[in-house]
C-alpha atoms as a PDB file:
ATOM      1  CA  VAL A   1     -16.364  -7.473 -56.796  1.00  0.00           C
ATOM      2  CA  TRP A   2     -15.377  -9.643 -59.657  1.00  0.00           C
ATOM      3  CA  ASP A   3     -18.788 -10.433 -61.305  1.00  0.00           C
ATOM      4  CA  VAL A   4     -22.494  -9.495 -61.199  1.00  0.00           C
ATOM      5  CA  SER A   5     -25.536 -11.198 -62.558  1.00  0.00           C
ATOM      6  CA  PHE A   6     -29.160 -10.052 -62.506  1.00  0.00           C
ATOM      7  CA  ALA A   7     -32.031 -12.422 -61.870  1.00  0.00           C
ATOM      8  CA  PRO A   8     -34.177 -13.139 -65.006  1.00  0.00           C
ATOM      9  CA  GLN A   9     -37.067 -11.053 -63.597  1.00  0.00           C
ATOM     10  CA  GLY A  10     -34.877  -8.153 -62.654  1.00  0.00           C
ATOM     11  CA  TYR A  11     -35.019  -6.568 -59.125  1.00  0.00           C
ATOM     12  CA  TYR A  12     -32.483  -9.053 -57.509  1.00  0.00           C
ATOM     13  CA  PHE A  13     -28.843  -9.382 -58.516  1.00  0.00           C
ATOM     14  CA  ALA A  14     -25.960 -11.381 -57.204  1.00  0.00           C
ATOM     15  CA  THR A  15     -22.233 -10.445 -56.978  1.00  0.00           C
ATOM     16  CA  ALA A  16     -18.933 -12.527 -56.689  1.00  0.00           C
ATOM     17  CA  SER A  17     -16.158 -11.167 -54.571  1.00  0.00           C
ATOM     18  CA  HIS A  18     -12.569 -11.676 -53.408  1.00  0.00           C
ATOM     19  CA  ASP A  19     -13.727 -12.071 -49.836  1.00  0.00           C
ATOM     20  CA  ARG A  20     -14.819 -15.659 -50.780  1.00  0.00           C
ATOM     21  CA  THR A  21     -18.538 -14.837 -50.789  1.00  0.00           C
ATOM     22  CA  ALA A  22     -21.287 -14.366 -53.171  1.00  0.00           C
ATOM     23  CA  ARG A  23     -24.146 -11.870 -52.238  1.00  0.00           C
ATOM     24  CA  VAL A  24     -27.764 -11.341 -53.232  1.00  0.00           C
ATOM     25  CA  TRP A  25     -29.004  -7.934 -53.495  1.00  0.00           C
ATOM     26  CA  SER A  26     -32.179  -5.981 -54.378  1.00  0.00           C
ATOM     27  CA  THR A  27     -32.238  -2.868 -56.384  1.00  0.00           C
ATOM     28  CA  ASP A  28     -34.088  -0.928 -53.703  1.00  0.00           C
ATOM     29  CA  ARG A  29     -31.711  -1.559 -50.699  1.00  0.00           C
ATOM     30  CA  LEU A  30     -28.123  -0.426 -49.863  1.00  0.00           C
ATOM     31  CA  ARG A  31     -27.252  -3.640 -48.041  1.00  0.00           C
ATOM     32  CA  SER A  32     -27.159  -7.293 -49.392  1.00  0.00           C
ATOM     33  CA  LEU A  33     -30.146  -9.552 -48.566  1.00  0.00           C
ATOM     34  CA  ARG A  34     -27.988 -12.740 -48.241  1.00  0.00           C
ATOM     35  CA  THR A  35     -24.393 -13.455 -47.944  1.00  0.00           C
ATOM     36  CA  LEU A  36     -23.483 -16.884 -49.300  1.00  0.00           C
ATOM     37  CA  VAL A  37     -20.481 -18.236 -47.299  1.00  0.00           C
ATOM     38  CA  GLY A  38     -18.771 -21.675 -48.189  1.00  0.00           C
ATOM     39  CA  HIS A  39     -16.081 -21.194 -50.741  1.00  0.00           C
ATOM     40  CA  LEU A  40     -12.454 -21.362 -49.640  1.00  0.00           C
ATOM     41  CA  SER A  41     -11.127 -18.790 -52.032  1.00  0.00           C
ATOM     42  CA  ASP A  42     -12.145 -15.826 -54.163  1.00  0.00           C
ATOM     43  CA  VAL A  43     -15.684 -16.208 -55.897  1.00  0.00           C
ATOM     44  CA  ASN A  44     -14.940 -15.328 -59.414  1.00  0.00           C
ATOM     45  CA  THR A  45     -18.448 -15.761 -61.062  1.00  0.00           C
ATOM     46  CA  VAL A  46     -22.040 -15.752 -60.289  1.00  0.00           C
ATOM     47  CA  ARG A  47     -25.231 -16.592 -62.279  1.00  0.00           C
ATOM     48  CA  PHE A  48     -28.928 -16.702 -61.435  1.00  0.00           C
ATOM     49  CA  HIS A  49     -30.914 -19.865 -62.341  1.00  0.00           C
ATOM     50  CA  PRO A  50     -33.784 -19.319 -64.906  1.00  0.00           C
ATOM     51  CA  ASN A  51     -36.226 -19.721 -62.045  1.00  0.00           C
ATOM     52  CA  SER A  52     -34.525 -17.064 -59.840  1.00  0.00           C
ATOM     53  CA  VAL A  53     -34.666 -19.405 -56.664  1.00  0.00           C
ATOM     54  CA  TYR A  54     -31.024 -20.364 -57.075  1.00  0.00           C
ATOM     55  CA  VAL A  55     -27.780 -18.678 -57.674  1.00  0.00           C
ATOM     56  CA  ALA A  56     -24.561 -20.529 -58.837  1.00  0.00           C
ATOM     57  CA  SER A  57     -21.056 -19.484 -58.046  1.00  0.00           C
ATOM     58  CA  GLY A  58     -17.767 -20.410 -59.140  1.00  0.00           C
ATOM     59  CA  SER A  59     -14.546 -20.055 -57.321  1.00  0.00           C
ATOM     60  CA  SER A  60     -10.740 -20.167 -57.186  1.00  0.00           C
ATOM     61  CA  ASP A  61     -11.141 -23.132 -54.832  1.00  0.00           C
ATOM     62  CA  LYS A  62     -12.065 -25.220 -57.977  1.00  0.00           C
ATOM     63  CA  CYS A  63     -15.661 -25.815 -57.204  1.00  0.00           C
ATOM     64  CA  ALA A  64     -19.073 -24.417 -58.202  1.00  0.00           C
ATOM     65  CA  ARG A  65     -21.834 -24.223 -55.683  1.00  0.00           C
ATOM     66  CA  LEU A  66     -25.687 -23.928 -56.169  1.00  0.00           C
ATOM     67  CA  TRP A  67     -27.180 -21.666 -53.394  1.00  0.00           C
ATOM     68  CA  ASP A  68     -31.001 -21.402 -52.327  1.00  0.00           C
ATOM     69  CA  VAL A  69     -31.484 -17.621 -52.561  1.00  0.00           C
ATOM     70  CA  HIS A  70     -34.200 -17.728 -49.833  1.00  0.00           C
ATOM     71  CA  THR A  71     -32.281 -19.600 -47.206  1.00  0.00           C
ATOM     72  CA  GLY A  72     -28.747 -18.779 -48.148  1.00  0.00           C
ATOM     73  CA  GLN A  73     -27.951 -22.591 -48.039  1.00  0.00           C
ATOM     74  CA  CYS A  74     -25.688 -24.299 -50.284  1.00  0.00           C
ATOM     75  CA  VAL A  75     -27.807 -27.020 -51.960  1.00  0.00           C
ATOM     76  CA  ARG A  76     -25.231 -28.459 -54.427  1.00  0.00           C
ATOM     77  CA  LEU A  77     -21.467 -28.746 -54.390  1.00  0.00           C
ATOM     78  CA  LEU A  78     -19.900 -29.367 -57.776  1.00  0.00           C
ATOM     79  CA  THR A  79     -16.336 -30.756 -57.859  1.00  0.00           C
ATOM     80  CA  GLY A  80     -14.314 -32.034 -60.596  1.00  0.00           C
ATOM     81  CA  HIS A  81     -12.305 -29.183 -62.068  1.00  0.00           C
ATOM     82  CA  PHE A  82      -8.593 -28.970 -61.466  1.00  0.00           C
ATOM     83  CA  ALA A  83      -8.173 -25.122 -61.371  1.00  0.00           C
ATOM     84  CA  PRO A  84     -10.036 -21.862 -60.809  1.00  0.00           C
ATOM     85  CA  LEU A  85     -13.435 -21.451 -62.340  1.00  0.00           C
ATOM     86  CA  TYR A  86     -14.233 -18.156 -64.198  1.00  0.00           C
ATOM     87  CA  ALA A  87     -17.358 -19.002 -66.172  1.00  0.00           C
ATOM     88  CA  LEU A  88     -20.835 -20.450 -65.478  1.00  0.00           C
ATOM     89  CA  ALA A  89     -24.095 -20.813 -67.521  1.00  0.00           C
ATOM     90  CA  PHE A  90     -27.415 -22.402 -66.852  1.00  0.00           C
ATOM     91  CA  SER A  91     -29.328 -24.158 -69.592  1.00  0.00           C
ATOM     92  CA  PRO A  92     -32.538 -22.459 -70.494  1.00  0.00           C
ATOM     93  CA  ASP A  93     -34.647 -25.156 -68.883  1.00  0.00           C
ATOM     94  CA  GLY A  94     -32.509 -24.936 -65.741  1.00  0.00           C
ATOM     95  CA  ARG A  95     -31.605 -28.617 -65.606  1.00  0.00           C
ATOM     96  CA  LEU A  96     -27.883 -28.169 -66.625  1.00  0.00           C
ATOM     97  CA  LEU A  97     -25.113 -25.777 -65.354  1.00  0.00           C
ATOM     98  CA  ALA A  98     -22.117 -25.560 -67.558  1.00  0.00           C
ATOM     99  CA  THR A  99     -18.799 -24.370 -65.704  1.00  0.00           C
ATOM    100  CA  ALA A 100     -15.209 -23.478 -67.092  1.00  0.00           C
ATOM    101  CA  GLY A 101     -11.895 -21.972 -66.045  1.00  0.00           C
ATOM    102  CA  ASP A 102      -8.361 -22.389 -65.935  1.00  0.00           C
ATOM    103  CA  ASP A 103      -8.233 -26.103 -66.487  1.00  0.00           C
ATOM    104  CA  GLU A 104      -9.338 -25.434 -70.130  1.00  0.00           C
ATOM    105  CA  ALA A 105     -12.272 -27.857 -69.691  1.00  0.00           C
ATOM    106  CA  VAL A 106     -16.022 -27.182 -69.896  1.00  0.00           C
ATOM    107  CA  CYS A 107     -18.298 -29.314 -67.446  1.00  0.00           C
ATOM    108  CA  VAL A 108     -21.790 -29.812 -67.957  1.00  0.00           C
ATOM    109  CA  TRP A 109     -23.612 -30.751 -64.743  1.00  0.00           C
ATOM    110  CA  ASP A 110     -26.953 -32.424 -64.266  1.00  0.00           C
ATOM    111  CA  LEU A 111     -28.139 -30.365 -61.208  1.00  0.00           C
ATOM    112  CA  ALA A 112     -30.719 -33.078 -60.246  1.00  0.00           C
ATOM    113  CA  SER A 113     -27.809 -35.508 -59.500  1.00  0.00           C
ATOM    114  CA  ALA A 114     -25.040 -33.132 -59.218  1.00  0.00           C
ATOM    115  CA  ARG A 115     -22.927 -35.180 -61.581  1.00  0.00           C
ATOM    116  CA  CYS A 116     -20.627 -34.186 -64.512  1.00  0.00           C
ATOM    117  CA  VAL A 117     -22.625 -35.548 -67.316  1.00  0.00           C
ATOM    118  CA  ALA A 118     -20.140 -34.138 -70.079  1.00  0.00           C
ATOM    119  CA  ARG A 119     -16.574 -32.897 -69.962  1.00  0.00           C
ATOM    120  CA  LEU A 120     -15.813 -30.778 -73.188  1.00  0.00           C
ATOM    121  CA  ARG A 121     -12.128 -30.528 -74.125  1.00  0.00           C
ATOM    122  CA  GLY A 122     -10.718 -28.486 -76.855  1.00  0.00           C
ATOM    123  CA  HIS A 123      -9.575 -25.099 -75.522  1.00  0.00           C
ATOM    124  CA  ARG A 124      -5.743 -24.522 -75.130  1.00  0.00           C
ATOM    125  CA  ARG A 125      -6.063 -21.680 -72.602  1.00  0.00           C
ATOM    126  CA  THR A 126      -8.394 -20.522 -69.761  1.00  0.00           C
ATOM    127  CA  VAL A 127     -11.994 -20.503 -70.552  1.00  0.00           C
ATOM    128  CA  TRP A 128     -13.552 -17.224 -69.750  1.00  0.00           C
ATOM    129  CA  SER A 129     -17.084 -17.383 -70.991  1.00  0.00           C
ATOM    130  CA  LEU A 130     -20.059 -19.712 -71.608  1.00  0.00           C
ATOM    131  CA  ALA A 131     -23.550 -19.322 -73.100  1.00  0.00           C
ATOM    132  CA  PHE A 132     -26.298 -21.734 -73.949  1.00  0.00           C
ATOM    133  CA  SER A 133     -28.531 -20.925 -77.027  1.00  0.00           C
ATOM    134  CA  LYS A 134     -32.157 -19.956 -76.225  1.00  0.00           C
ATOM    135  CA  CYS A 135     -33.264 -23.369 -77.108  1.00  0.00           C
ATOM    136  CA  GLY A 136     -30.458 -25.071 -75.022  1.00  0.00           C
ATOM    137  CA  ALA A 137     -29.190 -27.238 -78.035  1.00  0.00           C
ATOM    138  CA  LEU A 138     -25.876 -25.349 -78.223  1.00  0.00           C
ATOM    139  CA  LEU A 139     -23.284 -24.234 -75.860  1.00  0.00           C
ATOM    140  CA  ALA A 140     -20.633 -21.640 -76.766  1.00  0.00           C
ATOM    141  CA  SER A 141     -17.434 -21.235 -74.907  1.00  0.00           C
ATOM    142  CA  GLY A 142     -14.847 -18.424 -75.156  1.00  0.00           C
ATOM    143  CA  ALA A 143     -11.164 -18.900 -74.138  1.00  0.00           C
ATOM    144  CA  HIS A 144      -7.878 -17.035 -73.930  1.00  0.00           C
ATOM    145  CA  ASP A 145      -6.807 -19.153 -76.854  1.00  0.00           C
ATOM    146  CA  ARG A 146      -8.646 -16.710 -79.044  1.00  0.00           C
ATOM    147  CA  THR A 147     -11.193 -19.176 -79.930  1.00  0.00           C
ATOM    148  CA  VAL A 148     -14.781 -19.720 -79.601  1.00  0.00           C
ATOM    149  CA  ARG A 149     -16.200 -23.195 -79.827  1.00  0.00           C
ATOM    150  CA  ILE A 150     -19.854 -24.059 -80.317  1.00  0.00           C
ATOM    151  CA  TRP A 151     -20.741 -27.528 -78.774  1.00  0.00           C
ATOM    152  CA  ASP A 152     -23.701 -29.609 -79.488  1.00  0.00           C
ATOM    153  CA  ALA A 153     -24.880 -29.904 -75.928  1.00  0.00           C
ATOM    154  CA  ARG A 154     -27.489 -32.606 -76.689  1.00  0.00           C
ATOM    155  CA  ALA A 155     -24.943 -34.856 -78.277  1.00  0.00           C
ATOM    156  CA  ALA A 156     -22.450 -34.089 -75.527  1.00  0.00           C
ATOM    157  CA  LEU A 157     -24.845 -35.375 -72.935  1.00  0.00           C
ATOM    158  CA  HIS A 158     -25.405 -38.674 -74.836  1.00  0.00           C
ATOM    159  CA  SER A 159     -21.796 -39.322 -75.611  1.00  0.00           C
END
C-alpha cells in the first residue's frame, strides 16, 4: 500500500497499491468495499473528492483516473503527464484536480471537461505533494528539488 486517504466525512477511506488497484474501505469492515481496476501500473496516490462520491487515483502508468465510489466505474481518464504520478489534490469546490509526479509539472484539470487547463512548470525534480488552500485561490507543490512553490491557481486558469 503506497497511499491512504480518508473521505471528508470520515468512515470511508481509499488505498493505493502496487497491485495496480485502488480500493475503497469502511472503518467497520475487514474487506474492501470496492476494488478500482484500470491502471496499467502501480497506483501511487489516492484522494477523495470533497463530496465523497468520487476517488481520484494517480499511477506509474502516467494517468490519473476519477472513480465513482458507488459503482466502481472510471468516469474520467486524465492523460497528459510524461512520467509516473505521485501527488493529487482536489480544489475545495471539487471542480479542479491537480496532479504531479516525475515529469516535474503540475497539471490542473477541469473535471467537467477532463481537460488540463493549466500546466505549471518550475520544479526541477519529482513533485511529491500538492495542496490547495482552503479558499482554492492558491496551490502549493513540494518537490525533490527542496522547494515548495505557491501558485496562484486562479491566475493559472486564466493564462
